[in-house]
């Protein structure tokens, strides 16, 4: 299992039986987006597809599981976890040599920065 940083419009998020209280992301424009830490296996995250919002609009810059509208992983994150500066912790993907974006697990240095900022780390 790995830890992933996801974005949501919701302050609370239930994912695979675990409840997360989000942190309001900083920077990246006026949109209020909460950041959540979720634990998932790599196989789950390999099934990500472009997000379709509640109005049926396809959002190719946001990946999620099919049928899920509650959270997403941006291709390139713009919102940072509060109180993280160096390194600044943001959700995002890694684009492979094949051009396909894949969810990027939170790295050990980013986990350390999140712990220092007071984040509740799942697992």
Protein backbone atom coordinates (compact mmCIF):
# COMPACT_ATOMS: atom_id res chain seq x y z
CA UNK A 1 0.00 0.00 0.00
CA UNK A 2 1.12 3.51 -0.74
CA UNK A 3 -0.10 6.94 0.32
CA UNK A 4 -1.48 9.32 -2.30
CA UNK A 5 -2.45 12.97 -2.07
CA UNK A 6 -5.84 13.62 -3.67
CA UNK A 7 -7.98 16.72 -4.18
CA UNK A 8 -11.67 17.19 -3.44
CA UNK A 9 -14.31 19.89 -3.05
CA UNK A 10 -15.35 18.09 0.16
CA UNK A 11 -13.79 18.67 3.58
CA UNK A 12 -14.41 15.04 4.58
CA UNK A 13 -13.74 12.07 2.36
CA UNK A 14 -14.46 8.36 2.83
CA UNK A 15 -12.15 6.12 0.79
CA UNK A 16 -11.88 2.35 1.20
CA UNK A 17 -13.43 2.53 4.67
CA UNK A 18 -11.13 5.27 6.01
CA UNK A 19 -12.38 8.79 6.79
CA UNK A 20 -10.15 11.74 5.99
CA UNK A 21 -10.51 15.35 7.15
CA UNK A 22 -9.02 17.50 4.41
CA UNK A 23 -6.71 20.46 4.58
CA UNK A 24 -7.66 23.52 2.56
CA UNK A 25 -5.09 23.75 -0.23
CA UNK A 26 -3.03 26.93 -0.54
CA UNK A 27 -2.22 28.87 -3.71
CA UNK A 28 -3.14 27.97 -7.26
CA UNK A 29 -6.13 30.26 -7.75
CA UNK A 30 -9.42 31.08 -6.04
CA UNK A 31 -11.05 27.62 -6.18
CA UNK A 32 -11.50 26.07 -2.69
CA UNK A 33 -10.00 22.59 -2.88
CA UNK A 34 -9.29 20.29 0.04
CA UNK A 35 -6.30 17.95 0.05
CA UNK A 36 -6.59 14.45 1.50
CA UNK A 37 -4.12 11.67 2.20
CA UNK A 38 -5.44 8.25 1.21
CA UNK A 39 -3.88 4.83 1.36
CA UNK A 40 -4.34 2.65 -1.73
CA UNK A 41 -2.59 -0.11 -3.58
CA UNK A 42 -0.87 0.51 -6.89
CA UNK A 43 -3.42 -1.66 -8.76
CA UNK A 44 -6.27 0.61 -7.64
CA UNK A 45 -4.41 3.69 -8.82
CA UNK A 46 -3.63 2.07 -12.20
CA UNK A 47 -7.39 2.14 -12.91
CA UNK A 48 -7.60 5.95 -12.92
CA UNK A 49 -9.46 7.58 -15.81
CA UNK A 50 -10.26 11.22 -16.67
CA UNK A 51 -12.80 12.65 -14.21
CA UNK A 52 -16.38 13.32 -15.36
CA UNK A 53 -18.10 15.94 -13.20
CA UNK A 54 -21.73 15.98 -12.06
CA UNK A 55 -22.73 17.82 -15.25
CA UNK A 56 -21.14 15.19 -17.49
CA UNK A 57 -18.11 17.31 -18.43
CA UNK A 58 -14.91 15.33 -19.02
CA UNK A 59 -11.96 16.81 -17.11
CA UNK A 60 -8.85 15.40 -18.77
CA UNK A 61 -6.57 17.27 -16.33
CA UNK A 62 -8.01 15.33 -13.34
CA UNK A 63 -7.84 11.54 -12.90
CA UNK A 64 -10.12 9.45 -10.69
CA UNK A 65 -11.71 6.02 -10.48
CA UNK A 66 -14.60 5.47 -12.92
CA UNK A 67 -17.90 6.75 -11.49
CA UNK A 68 -16.24 8.72 -8.67
CA UNK A 69 -17.00 12.44 -8.44
CA UNK A 70 -15.74 13.04 -4.88
CA UNK A 71 -11.96 13.13 -5.38
CA UNK A 72 -9.33 13.27 -8.08
CA UNK A 73 -5.61 13.43 -8.67
CA UNK A 74 -4.62 16.34 -10.89
CA UNK A 75 -2.15 15.76 -13.71
CA UNK A 76 -0.31 18.82 -12.36
CA UNK A 77 -1.25 19.99 -8.87
CA UNK A 78 -1.66 23.68 -8.10
CA UNK A 79 -2.77 23.52 -4.47
CA UNK A 80 -0.19 22.93 -1.73
CA UNK A 81 -0.66 21.34 1.68
CA UNK A 82 -0.71 24.14 4.30
CA UNK A 83 2.55 24.84 6.15
CA UNK A 84 4.70 22.93 3.67
CA UNK A 85 7.31 25.09 1.99
CA UNK A 86 10.48 23.14 1.31
CA UNK A 87 9.48 20.73 -0.05
CA UNK A 88 6.06 22.11 -1.04
CA UNK A 89 3.66 19.15 -1.05
CA UNK A 90 1.17 19.00 -3.93
CA UNK A 91 -0.91 16.25 -5.54
CA UNK A 92 0.09 15.19 -9.02
CA UNK A 93 0.96 12.53 -11.52
CA UNK A 94 4.07 11.30 -13.26
CA UNK A 95 3.86 11.11 -17.04
CA UNK A 96 5.62 8.00 -18.33
CA UNK A 97 7.65 7.64 -21.51
CA UNK A 98 4.46 6.33 -23.12
CA UNK A 99 2.79 9.71 -22.42
CA UNK A 100 0.30 8.23 -19.95
CA UNK A 101 -0.06 10.01 -16.58
CA UNK A 102 0.06 7.79 -13.50
CA UNK A 103 -0.73 8.62 -9.88
CA UNK A 104 2.38 9.55 -7.94
CA UNK A 105 2.62 8.18 -4.38
CA UNK A 106 3.73 10.62 -1.69
CA UNK A 107 7.51 10.40 -1.35
CA UNK A 108 9.33 9.87 1.96
CA UNK A 109 10.60 13.49 2.09
CA UNK A 110 7.05 14.73 1.43
CA UNK A 111 5.65 12.42 4.12
CA UNK A 112 8.18 13.87 6.57
CA UNK A 113 7.12 17.41 5.61
CA UNK A 114 3.46 16.48 6.04
CA UNK A 115 4.11 14.99 9.50
CA UNK A 116 5.99 18.14 10.48
CA UNK A 117 2.99 20.21 9.29
CA UNK A 118 0.69 18.14 11.53
CA UNK A 119 -1.02 16.01 8.86
CA UNK A 120 -2.67 12.75 9.92
CA UNK A 121 -0.88 10.08 7.88
CA UNK A 122 -3.06 7.01 7.10
CA UNK A 123 -1.90 3.49 7.81
